[in-house]
Amino acid sequence: MTKFSGQNPSVFFSRPISSQSKSWSRRDSVKGELVKKQRSKPTTVAPSEPQMVEIRNARERSRVRAVNEAYEKLRKMVPAISNRRKRVSKVKTLQKAAQYIQV
């Protein structure tokens, strides 16, 4: 019995050929050749360019909103700036947080 019990012993999967290749390849053990797997084609229709721009813009707005929320949390956690009424810049927030960590 082969070590590939339950599988077709003539074909097995191996690691990518090079560090640049991220796709898996298939080795035909009879011929010893590496055969690249076929990618399946997408079944959905790609959105038009204006729709892509809207999607990209929405993703960017969401990312910026998340970054701003993270800065707000950081401002509340650093004692040197948590009591201020005026909003502190992102650069000052990072500087004060770094000083607080070093203390």
PDB file of N, CA and C in Angstrom:
ATOM      1  N   MET A   1       0.843  -1.180   0.000  1.00  0.00           N
ATOM      2  CA  MET A   1       0.000   0.000   0.000  1.00  0.00           C
ATOM      3  C   MET A   1       0.887   1.241   0.000  1.00  0.00           C
ATOM      4  N   THR A   2       0.492   2.245  -0.753  1.00  0.00           N
ATOM      5  CA  THR A   2       1.282   3.470  -0.839  1.00  0.00           C
ATOM      6  C   THR A   2       0.938   4.410   0.305  1.00  0.00           C
ATOM      7  N   LYS A   3       1.787   5.425   0.456  1.00  0.00           N
ATOM      8  CA  LYS A   3       1.506   6.399   1.517  1.00  0.00           C
ATOM      9  C   LYS A   3       0.367   7.335   1.152  1.00  0.00           C
ATOM     10  N   PHE A   4      -0.171   7.226  -0.053  1.00  0.00           N
ATOM     11  CA  PHE A   4      -1.294   8.045  -0.509  1.00  0.00           C
ATOM     12  C   PHE A   4      -2.584   7.244  -0.480  1.00  0.00           C
ATOM     13  N   SER A   5      -2.769   6.417   0.507  1.00  0.00           N
ATOM     14  CA  SER A   5      -3.950   5.560   0.546  1.00  0.00           C
ATOM     15  C   SER A   5      -5.215   6.408   0.533  1.00  0.00           C
ATOM     16  N   GLY A   6      -6.170   5.954  -0.277  1.00  0.00           N
ATOM     17  CA  GLY A   6      -7.430   6.681  -0.393  1.00  0.00           C
ATOM     18  C   GLY A   6      -7.381   7.782  -1.435  1.00  0.00           C
ATOM     19  N   GLN A   7      -6.224   8.002  -2.066  1.00  0.00           N
ATOM     20  CA  GLN A   7      -6.078   9.026  -3.083  1.00  0.00           C
ATOM     21  C   GLN A   7      -5.473   8.399  -4.321  1.00  0.00           C
ATOM     22  N   ASN A   8      -5.547   9.103  -5.405  1.00  0.00           N
ATOM     23  CA  ASN A   8      -4.915   8.651  -6.627  1.00  0.00           C
ATOM     24  C   ASN A   8      -3.412   8.827  -6.467  1.00  0.00           C
ATOM     25  N   PRO A   9      -2.626   7.752  -6.446  1.00  0.00           N
ATOM     26  CA  PRO A   9      -1.191   7.886  -6.184  1.00  0.00           C
ATOM     27  C   PRO A   9      -0.414   8.523  -7.325  1.00  0.00           C
ATOM     28  N   SER A  10      -1.018   8.652  -8.518  1.00  0.00           N
ATOM     29  CA  SER A  10      -0.271   9.220  -9.644  1.00  0.00           C
ATOM     30  C   SER A  10      -0.209  10.743  -9.598  1.00  0.00           C
ATOM     31  N   VAL A  11      -1.049  11.382  -8.794  1.00  0.00           N
ATOM     32  CA  VAL A  11      -1.077  12.843  -8.730  1.00  0.00           C
ATOM     33  C   VAL A  11      -1.082  13.283  -7.280  1.00  0.00           C
ATOM     34  N   PHE A  12      -0.222  14.214  -6.911  1.00  0.00           N
ATOM     35  CA  PHE A  12      -0.246  14.779  -5.566  1.00  0.00           C
ATOM     36  C   PHE A  12       0.111  16.248  -5.644  1.00  0.00           C
ATOM     37  N   PHE A  13      -0.215  16.984  -4.583  1.00  0.00           N
ATOM     38  CA  PHE A  13       0.019  18.427  -4.553  1.00  0.00           C
ATOM     39  C   PHE A  13       1.308  18.713  -3.825  1.00  0.00           C
ATOM     40  N   SER A  14       2.033  19.715  -4.303  1.00  0.00           N
ATOM     41  CA  SER A  14       3.293  20.098  -3.686  1.00  0.00           C
ATOM     42  C   SER A  14       3.274  21.574  -3.347  1.00  0.00           C
ATOM     43  N   ARG A  15       4.298  22.036  -2.660  1.00  0.00           N
ATOM     44  CA  ARG A  15       4.428  23.447  -2.310  1.00  0.00           C
ATOM     45  C   ARG A  15       4.639  24.281  -3.568  1.00  0.00           C
ATOM     46  N   PRO A  16       4.511  25.600  -3.462  1.00  0.00           N
ATOM     47  CA  PRO A  16       4.776  26.446  -4.623  1.00  0.00           C
ATOM     48  C   PRO A  16       6.197  26.241  -5.151  1.00  0.00           C
ATOM     49  N   ILE A  17       6.344  26.422  -6.440  1.00  0.00           N
ATOM     50  CA  ILE A  17       7.619  26.182  -7.099  1.00  0.00           C
ATOM     51  C   ILE A  17       8.676  27.162  -6.622  1.00  0.00           C
ATOM     52  N   SER A  18       8.351  28.441  -6.551  1.00  0.00           N
ATOM     53  CA  SER A  18       9.309  29.443  -6.089  1.00  0.00           C
ATOM     54  C   SER A  18       8.672  30.264  -4.993  1.00  0.00           C
ATOM     55  N   SER A  19       9.478  31.117  -4.361  1.00  0.00           N
ATOM     56  CA  SER A  19       8.940  31.961  -3.293  1.00  0.00           C
ATOM     57  C   SER A  19       7.985  33.001  -3.853  1.00  0.00           C
ATOM     58  N   GLN A  20       8.111  33.325  -5.142  1.00  0.00           N
ATOM     59  CA  GLN A  20       7.219  34.318  -5.747  1.00  0.00           C
ATOM     60  C   GLN A  20       5.863  33.714  -6.063  1.00  0.00           C
ATOM     61  N   SER A  21       5.824  32.439  -6.359  1.00  0.00           N
ATOM     62  CA  SER A  21       4.585  31.782  -6.743  1.00  0.00           C
ATOM     63  C   SER A  21       3.795  31.415  -5.499  1.00  0.00           C
ATOM     64  N   LYS A  22       2.592  31.907  -5.399  1.00  0.00           N
ATOM     65  CA  LYS A  22       1.754  31.612  -4.243  1.00  0.00           C
ATOM     66  C   LYS A  22       0.726  30.530  -4.563  1.00  0.00           C
ATOM     67  N   SER A  23       0.588  30.164  -5.850  1.00  0.00           N
ATOM     68  CA  SER A  23      -0.398  29.160  -6.196  1.00  0.00           C
ATOM     69  C   SER A  23       0.200  27.772  -6.066  1.00  0.00           C
ATOM     70  N   TRP A  24      -0.619  26.830  -5.735  1.00  0.00           N
ATOM     71  CA  TRP A  24      -0.172  25.459  -5.595  1.00  0.00           C
ATOM     72  C   TRP A  24      -0.051  24.844  -6.974  1.00  0.00           C
ATOM     73  N   SER A  25       0.867  23.933  -7.115  1.00  0.00           N
ATOM     74  CA  SER A  25       1.035  23.246  -8.389  1.00  0.00           C
ATOM     75  C   SER A  25       0.766  21.765  -8.181  1.00  0.00           C
ATOM     76  N   ARG A  26       0.555  21.086  -9.265  1.00  0.00           N
ATOM     77  CA  ARG A  26       0.269  19.670  -9.213  1.00  0.00           C
ATOM     78  C   ARG A  26       1.397  18.946  -9.929  1.00  0.00           C
ATOM     79  N   ARG A  27       1.918  17.910  -9.326  1.00  0.00           N
ATOM     80  CA  ARG A  27       3.009  17.146  -9.939  1.00  0.00           C
ATOM     81  C   ARG A  27       2.446  15.828 -10.460  1.00  0.00           C
ATOM     82  N   ASP A  28       2.666  15.597 -11.727  1.00  0.00           N
ATOM     83  CA  ASP A  28       2.285  14.330 -12.329  1.00  0.00           C
ATOM     84  C   ASP A  28       3.437  13.370 -12.081  1.00  0.00           C
ATOM     85  N   SER A  29       3.214  12.361 -11.228  1.00  0.00           N
ATOM     86  CA  SER A  29       4.309  11.475 -10.828  1.00  0.00           C
ATOM     87  C   SER A  29       4.756  10.560 -11.955  1.00  0.00           C
ATOM     88  N   VAL A  30       3.899  10.355 -12.933  1.00  0.00           N
ATOM     89  CA  VAL A  30       4.295   9.504 -14.050  1.00  0.00           C
ATOM     90  C   VAL A  30       5.307  10.237 -14.923  1.00  0.00           C
ATOM     91  N   LYS A  31       5.006  11.493 -15.279  1.00  0.00           N
ATOM     92  CA  LYS A  31       5.895  12.276 -16.131  1.00  0.00           C
ATOM     93  C   LYS A  31       6.890  13.093 -15.320  1.00  0.00           C
ATOM     94  N   GLY A  32       6.574  13.339 -14.051  1.00  0.00           N
ATOM     95  CA  GLY A  32       7.449  14.129 -13.200  1.00  0.00           C
ATOM     96  C   GLY A  32       7.388  15.616 -13.489  1.00  0.00           C
ATOM     97  N   GLU A  33       6.376  16.063 -14.216  1.00  0.00           N
ATOM     98  CA  GLU A  33       6.250  17.483 -14.565  1.00  0.00           C
ATOM     99  C   GLU A  33       5.357  18.195 -13.568  1.00  0.00           C
ATOM    100  N   LEU A  34       5.651  19.471 -13.371  1.00  0.00           N
ATOM    101  CA  LEU A  34       4.776  20.295 -12.535  1.00  0.00           C
ATOM    102  C   LEU A  34       3.723  20.928 -13.435  1.00  0.00           C
ATOM    103  N   VAL A  35       2.493  20.810 -13.030  1.00  0.00           N
ATOM    104  CA  VAL A  35       1.380  21.355 -13.800  1.00  0.00           C
ATOM    105  C   VAL A  35       0.662  22.345 -12.914  1.00  0.00           C
ATOM    106  N   LYS A  36       0.480  23.583 -13.397  1.00  0.00           N
ATOM    107  CA  LYS A  36      -0.184  24.612 -12.614  1.00  0.00           C
ATOM    108  C   LYS A  36      -1.686  24.378 -12.581  1.00  0.00           C
ATOM    109  N   LYS A  37      -2.289  24.581 -11.413  1.00  0.00           N
ATOM    110  CA  LYS A  37      -3.734  24.444 -11.281  1.00  0.00           C
ATOM    111  C   LYS A  37      -4.429  25.545 -12.046  1.00  0.00           C
ATOM    112  N   GLN A  38      -5.552  25.238 -12.622  1.00  0.00           N
ATOM    113  CA  GLN A  38      -6.351  26.219 -13.345  1.00  0.00           C
ATOM    114  C   GLN A  38      -7.178  27.018 -12.340  1.00  0.00           C
ATOM    115  N   ARG A  39      -7.194  28.329 -12.510  1.00  0.00           N
ATOM    116  CA  ARG A  39      -8.036  29.167 -11.660  1.00  0.00           C
ATOM    117  C   ARG A  39      -9.442  29.201 -12.222  1.00  0.00           C
ATOM    118  N   SER A  40     -10.405  29.172 -11.334  1.00  0.00           N
ATOM    119  CA  SER A  40     -11.783  29.277 -11.804  1.00  0.00           C
ATOM    120  C   SER A  40     -12.091  30.739 -12.106  1.00  0.00           C
ATOM    121  N   LYS A  41     -12.876  30.957 -13.133  1.00  0.00           N
ATOM    122  CA  LYS A  41     -13.229  32.313 -13.535  1.00  0.00           C
ATOM    123  C   LYS A  41     -14.380  32.805 -12.671  1.00  0.00           C
ATOM    124  N   PRO A  42     -14.390  34.106 -12.343  1.00  0.00           N
ATOM    125  CA  PRO A  42     -15.490  34.628 -11.530  1.00  0.00           C
ATOM    126  C   PRO A  42     -16.815  34.515 -12.276  1.00  0.00           C
ATOM    127  N   THR A  43     -17.856  34.210 -11.542  1.00  0.00           N
ATOM    128  CA  THR A  43     -19.167  34.042 -12.156  1.00  0.00           C
ATOM    129  C   THR A  43     -19.989  35.315 -12.111  1.00  0.00           C
ATOM    130  N   THR A  44     -19.572  36.291 -11.302  1.00  0.00           N
ATOM    131  CA  THR A  44     -20.327  37.538 -11.211  1.00  0.00           C
ATOM    132  C   THR A  44     -19.795  38.549 -12.214  1.00  0.00           C
ATOM    133  N   VAL A  45     -20.639  39.484 -12.576  1.00  0.00           N
ATOM    134  CA  VAL A  45     -20.247  40.529 -13.500  1.00  0.00           C
ATOM    135  C   VAL A  45     -19.570  41.639 -12.709  1.00  0.00           C
ATOM    136  N   ALA A  46     -18.445  42.117 -13.198  1.00  0.00           N
ATOM    137  CA  ALA A  46     -17.704  43.175 -12.506  1.00  0.00           C
ATOM    138  C   ALA A  46     -18.505  44.474 -12.551  1.00  0.00           C
ATOM    139  N   PRO A  47     -18.506  45.243 -11.453  1.00  0.00           N
ATOM    140  CA  PRO A  47     -19.218  46.519 -11.447  1.00  0.00           C
ATOM    141  C   PRO A  47     -18.545  47.520 -12.379  1.00  0.00           C
ATOM    142  N   SER A  48     -19.313  48.492 -12.821  1.00  0.00           N
ATOM    143  CA  SER A  48     -18.775  49.505 -13.725  1.00  0.00           C
ATOM    144  C   SER A  48     -17.822  50.431 -12.966  1.00  0.00           C
ATOM    145  N   GLU A  49     -17.099  51.263 -13.707  1.00  0.00           N
ATOM    146  CA  GLU A  49     -16.097  52.149 -13.095  1.00  0.00           C
ATOM    147  C   GLU A  49     -16.700  53.090 -12.051  1.00  0.00           C
ATOM    148  N   PRO A  50     -17.828  53.775 -12.315  1.00  0.00           N
ATOM    149  CA  PRO A  50     -18.397  54.643 -11.256  1.00  0.00           C
ATOM    150  C   PRO A  50     -18.775  53.870  -9.991  1.00  0.00           C
ATOM    151  N   GLN A  51     -19.264  52.649 -10.161  1.00  0.00           N
ATOM    152  CA  GLN A  51     -19.592  51.841  -8.982  1.00  0.00           C
ATOM    153  C   GLN A  51     -18.332  51.457  -8.219  1.00  0.00           C
ATOM    154  N   MET A  52     -17.260  51.158  -8.946  1.00  0.00           N
ATOM    155  CA  MET A  52     -15.991  50.826  -8.295  1.00  0.00           C
ATOM    156  C   MET A  52     -15.471  52.015  -7.497  1.00  0.00           C
ATOM    157  N   VAL A  53     -15.609  53.214  -8.040  1.00  0.00           N
ATOM    158  CA  VAL A  53     -15.157  54.419  -7.342  1.00  0.00           C
ATOM    159  C   VAL A  53     -15.967  54.612  -6.063  1.00  0.00           C
ATOM    160  N   GLU A  54     -17.276  54.395  -6.141  1.00  0.00           N
ATOM    161  CA  GLU A  54     -18.118  54.525  -4.950  1.00  0.00           C
ATOM    162  C   GLU A  54     -17.710  53.515  -3.881  1.00  0.00           C
ATOM    163  N   ILE A  55     -17.457  52.295  -4.295  1.00  0.00           N
ATOM    164  CA  ILE A  55     -17.049  51.246  -3.351  1.00  0.00           C
ATOM    165  C   ILE A  55     -15.714  51.593  -2.717  1.00  0.00           C
ATOM    166  N   ARG A  56     -14.777  52.045  -3.543  1.00  0.00           N
ATOM    167  CA  ARG A  56     -13.442  52.419  -3.045  1.00  0.00           C
ATOM    168  C   ARG A  56     -13.537  53.584  -2.072  1.00  0.00           C
ATOM    169  N   ASN A  57     -14.363  54.593  -2.412  1.00  0.00           N
ATOM    170  CA  ASN A  57     -14.527  55.754  -1.533  1.00  0.00           C
ATOM    171  C   ASN A  57     -15.173  55.362  -0.205  1.00  0.00           C
ATOM    172  N   ALA A  58     -16.162  54.487  -0.257  1.00  0.00           N
ATOM    173  CA  ALA A  58     -16.818  54.034   0.971  1.00  0.00           C
ATOM    174  C   ALA A  58     -15.823  53.283   1.858  1.00  0.00           C
ATOM    175  N   ARG A  59     -14.984  52.455   1.235  1.00  0.00           N
ATOM    176  CA  ARG A  59     -13.973  51.710   1.996  1.00  0.00           C
ATOM    177  C   ARG A  59     -12.983  52.666   2.649  1.00  0.00           C
ATOM    178  N   GLU A  60     -12.579  53.701   1.923  1.00  0.00           N
ATOM    179  CA  GLU A  60     -11.631  54.689   2.467  1.00  0.00           C
ATOM    180  C   GLU A  60     -12.263  55.478   3.609  1.00  0.00           C
ATOM    181  N   ARG A  61     -13.528  55.886   3.454  1.00  0.00           N
ATOM    182  CA  ARG A  61     -14.215  56.605   4.542  1.00  0.00           C
ATOM    183  C   ARG A  61     -14.303  55.738   5.792  1.00  0.00           C
ATOM    184  N   SER A  62     -14.582  54.466   5.605  1.00  0.00           N
ATOM    185  CA  SER A  62     -14.667  53.549   6.740  1.00  0.00           C
ATOM    186  C   SER A  62     -13.304  53.411   7.423  1.00  0.00           C
ATOM    187  N   ARG A  63     -12.245  53.334   6.624  1.00  0.00           N
ATOM    188  CA  ARG A  63     -10.892  53.210   7.182  1.00  0.00           C
ATOM    189  C   ARG A  63     -10.519  54.454   7.973  1.00  0.00           C
ATOM    190  N   VAL A  64     -10.787  55.633   7.414  1.00  0.00           N
ATOM    191  CA  VAL A  64     -10.466  56.897   8.088  1.00  0.00           C
ATOM    192  C   VAL A  64     -11.262  57.027   9.378  1.00  0.00           C
ATOM    193  N   ARG A  65     -12.533  56.635   9.343  1.00  0.00           N
ATOM    194  CA  ARG A  65     -13.371  56.690  10.541  1.00  0.00           C
ATOM    195  C   ARG A  65     -12.791  55.786  11.634  1.00  0.00           C
ATOM    196  N   ALA A  66     -12.328  54.588  11.262  1.00  0.00           N
ATOM    197  CA  ALA A  66     -11.751  53.661  12.241  1.00  0.00           C
ATOM    198  C   ALA A  66     -10.459  54.220  12.838  1.00  0.00           C
ATOM    199  N   VAL A  67      -9.631  54.849  12.008  1.00  0.00           N
ATOM    200  CA  VAL A  67      -8.382  55.447  12.505  1.00  0.00           C
ATOM    201  C   VAL A  67      -8.695  56.587  13.467  1.00  0.00           C
ATOM    202  N   ASN A  68      -9.652  57.428  13.120  1.00  0.00           N
ATOM    203  CA  ASN A  68     -10.016  58.546  13.997  1.00  0.00           C
ATOM    204  C   ASN A  68     -10.583  58.057  15.328  1.00  0.00           C
ATOM    205  N   GLU A  69     -11.372  56.990  15.294  1.00  0.00           N
ATOM    206  CA  GLU A  69     -11.895  56.422  16.542  1.00  0.00           C
ATOM    207  C   GLU A  69     -10.764  55.876  17.412  1.00  0.00           C
ATOM    208  N   ALA A  70      -9.766  55.282  16.783  1.00  0.00           N
ATOM    209  CA  ALA A  70      -8.620  54.757  17.536  1.00  0.00           C
ATOM    210  C   ALA A  70      -7.848  55.896  18.192  1.00  0.00           C
ATOM    211  N   TYR A  71      -7.680  57.017  17.486  1.00  0.00           N
ATOM    212  CA  TYR A  71      -7.009  58.176  18.088  1.00  0.00           C
ATOM    213  C   TYR A  71      -7.816  58.721  19.255  1.00  0.00           C
ATOM    214  N   GLU A  72      -9.131  58.756  19.142  1.00  0.00           N
ATOM    215  CA  GLU A  72      -9.969  59.222  20.250  1.00  0.00           C
ATOM    216  C   GLU A  72      -9.791  58.333  21.483  1.00  0.00           C
ATOM    217  N   LYS A  73      -9.747  57.021  21.262  1.00  0.00           N
ATOM    218  CA  LYS A  73      -9.519  56.103  22.390  1.00  0.00           C
ATOM    219  C   LYS A  73      -8.157  56.346  23.025  1.00  0.00           C
ATOM    220  N   LEU A  74      -7.150  56.570  22.182  1.00  0.00           N
ATOM    221  CA  LEU A  74      -5.807  56.820  22.692  1.00  0.00           C
ATOM    222  C   LEU A  74      -5.760  58.117  23.491  1.00  0.00           C
ATOM    223  N   ARG A  75      -6.435  59.147  22.997  1.00  0.00           N
ATOM    224  CA  ARG A  75      -6.472  60.434  23.725  1.00  0.00           C
ATOM    225  C   ARG A  75      -7.095  60.267  25.103  1.00  0.00           C
ATOM    226  N   LYS A  76      -8.106  59.422  25.207  1.00  0.00           N
ATOM    227  CA  LYS A  76      -8.761  59.204  26.504  1.00  0.00           C
ATOM    228  C   LYS A  76      -7.881  58.415  27.469  1.00  0.00           C
ATOM    229  N   MET A  77      -6.974  57.615  26.940  1.00  0.00           N
ATOM    230  CA  MET A  77      -6.144  56.762  27.787  1.00  0.00           C
ATOM    231  C   MET A  77      -4.877  57.448  28.275  1.00  0.00           C
ATOM    232  N   VAL A  78      -4.409  58.468  27.569  1.00  0.00           N
ATOM    233  CA  VAL A  78      -3.177  59.161  27.960  1.00  0.00           C
ATOM    234  C   VAL A  78      -3.552  60.286  28.917  1.00  0.00           C
ATOM    235  N   PRO A  79      -3.073  60.230  30.161  1.00  0.00           N
ATOM    236  CA  PRO A  79      -3.485  61.216  31.165  1.00  0.00           C
ATOM    237  C   PRO A  79      -3.125  62.664  30.802  1.00  0.00           C
ATOM    238  N   ALA A  80      -2.030  62.892  30.126  1.00  0.00           N
ATOM    239  CA  ALA A  80      -1.593  64.256  29.827  1.00  0.00           C
ATOM    240  C   ALA A  80      -2.555  64.990  28.889  1.00  0.00           C
ATOM    241  N   ILE A  81      -3.340  64.260  28.127  1.00  0.00           N
ATOM    242  CA  ILE A  81      -4.238  64.933  27.170  1.00  0.00           C
ATOM    243  C   ILE A  81      -5.705  64.578  27.368  1.00  0.00           C
ATOM    244  N   SER A  82      -6.006  63.679  28.295  1.00  0.00           N
ATOM    245  CA  SER A  82      -7.394  63.250  28.459  1.00  0.00           C
ATOM    246  C   SER A  82      -8.284  64.326  29.069  1.00  0.00           C
ATOM    247  N   ASN A  83      -7.711  65.278  29.814  1.00  0.00           N
ATOM    248  CA  ASN A  83      -8.508  66.298  30.485  1.00  0.00           C
ATOM    249  C   ASN A  83      -8.668  67.575  29.675  1.00  0.00           C
ATOM    250  N   ARG A  84      -8.038  67.666  28.533  1.00  0.00           N
ATOM    251  CA  ARG A  84      -8.125  68.889  27.727  1.00  0.00           C
ATOM    252  C   ARG A  84      -9.475  68.990  27.038  1.00  0.00           C
ATOM    253  N   ARG A  85      -9.949  70.229  26.917  1.00  0.00           N
ATOM    254  CA  ARG A  85     -11.208  70.455  26.216  1.00  0.00           C
ATOM    255  C   ARG A  85     -10.980  70.612  24.714  1.00  0.00           C
ATOM    256  N   LYS A  86      -9.849  71.208  24.350  1.00  0.00           N
ATOM    257  CA  LYS A  86      -9.535  71.412  22.948  1.00  0.00           C
ATOM    258  C   LYS A  86      -8.956  70.121  22.373  1.00  0.00           C
ATOM    259  N   ARG A  87      -9.341  69.792  21.147  1.00  0.00           N
ATOM    260  CA  ARG A  87      -8.871  68.566  20.500  1.00  0.00           C
ATOM    261  C   ARG A  87      -7.381  68.659  20.213  1.00  0.00           C
ATOM    262  N   VAL A  88      -6.665  67.588  20.509  1.00  0.00           N
ATOM    263  CA  VAL A  88      -5.218  67.525  20.314  1.00  0.00           C
ATOM    264  C   VAL A  88      -4.949  66.847  18.967  1.00  0.00           C
ATOM    265  N   SER A  89      -3.930  67.318  18.245  1.00  0.00           N
ATOM    266  CA  SER A  89      -3.618  66.763  16.928  1.00  0.00           C
ATOM    267  C   SER A  89      -3.144  65.312  17.040  1.00  0.00           C
ATOM    268  N   LYS A  90      -3.156  64.628  15.919  1.00  0.00           N
ATOM    269  CA  LYS A  90      -2.723  63.231  15.887  1.00  0.00           C
ATOM    270  C   LYS A  90      -1.240  63.114  16.239  1.00  0.00           C
ATOM    271  N   VAL A  91      -0.442  64.039  15.740  1.00  0.00           N
ATOM    272  CA  VAL A  91       0.996  64.007  16.017  1.00  0.00           C
ATOM    273  C   VAL A  91       1.243  64.210  17.507  1.00  0.00           C
ATOM    274  N   LYS A  92       0.595  65.219  18.097  1.00  0.00           N
ATOM    275  CA  LYS A  92       0.749  65.464  19.541  1.00  0.00           C
ATOM    276  C   LYS A  92       0.255  64.264  20.353  1.00  0.00           C
ATOM    277  N   THR A  93      -0.828  63.649  19.895  1.00  0.00           N
ATOM    278  CA  THR A  93      -1.355  62.482  20.592  1.00  0.00           C
ATOM    279  C   THR A  93      -0.316  61.371  20.623  1.00  0.00           C
ATOM    280  N   LEU A  94       0.315  61.100  19.490  1.00  0.00           N
ATOM    281  CA  LEU A  94       1.334  60.053  19.434  1.00  0.00           C
ATOM    282  C   LEU A  94       2.560  60.413  20.262  1.00  0.00           C
ATOM    283  N   GLN A  95       2.948  61.685  20.233  1.00  0.00           N
ATOM    284  CA  GLN A  95       4.102  62.120  21.028  1.00  0.00           C
ATOM    285  C   GLN A  95       3.828  61.951  22.520  1.00  0.00           C
ATOM    286  N   LYS A  96       2.663  62.405  22.966  1.00  0.00           N
ATOM    287  CA  LYS A  96       2.300  62.276  24.388  1.00  0.00           C
ATOM    288  C   LYS A  96       2.154  60.817  24.797  1.00  0.00           C
ATOM    289  N   ALA A  97       1.621  59.980  23.911  1.00  0.00           N
ATOM    290  CA  ALA A  97       1.488  58.561  24.220  1.00  0.00           C
ATOM    291  C   ALA A  97       2.860  57.909  24.350  1.00  0.00           C
ATOM    292  N   ALA A  98       3.783  58.273  23.482  1.00  0.00           N
ATOM    293  CA  ALA A  98       5.143  57.726  23.561  1.00  0.00           C
ATOM    294  C   ALA A  98       5.817  58.164  24.860  1.00  0.00           C
ATOM    295  N   GLN A  99       5.637  59.431  25.260  1.00  0.00           N
ATOM    296  CA  GLN A  99       6.202  59.919  26.523  1.00  0.00           C
ATOM    297  C   GLN A  99       5.606  59.174  27.708  1.00  0.00           C
ATOM    298  N   TYR A 100       4.309  58.955  27.663  1.00  0.00           N
ATOM    299  CA  TYR A 100       3.609  58.241  28.737  1.00  0.00           C
ATOM    300  C   TYR A 100       4.103  56.804  28.862  1.00  0.00           C
ATOM    301  N   ILE A 101       4.344  56.163  27.762  1.00  0.00           N
ATOM    302  CA  ILE A 101       4.839  54.772  27.773  1.00  0.00           C
ATOM    303  C   ILE A 101       6.234  54.702  28.354  1.00  0.00           C
ATOM    304  N   GLN A 102       7.077  55.680  28.053  1.00  0.00           N
ATOM    305  CA  GLN A 102       8.465  55.683  28.533  1.00  0.00           C
ATOM    306  C   GLN A 102       8.575  55.990  30.014  1.00  0.00           C
ATOM    307  N   VAL A 103       7.570  56.601  30.599  1.00  0.00           N
ATOM    308  CA  VAL A 103       7.635  56.961  32.022  1.00  0.00           C
ATOM    309  C   VAL A 103       7.489  55.791  32.906  1.00  0.00           C
TER     310      VAL A 103
END
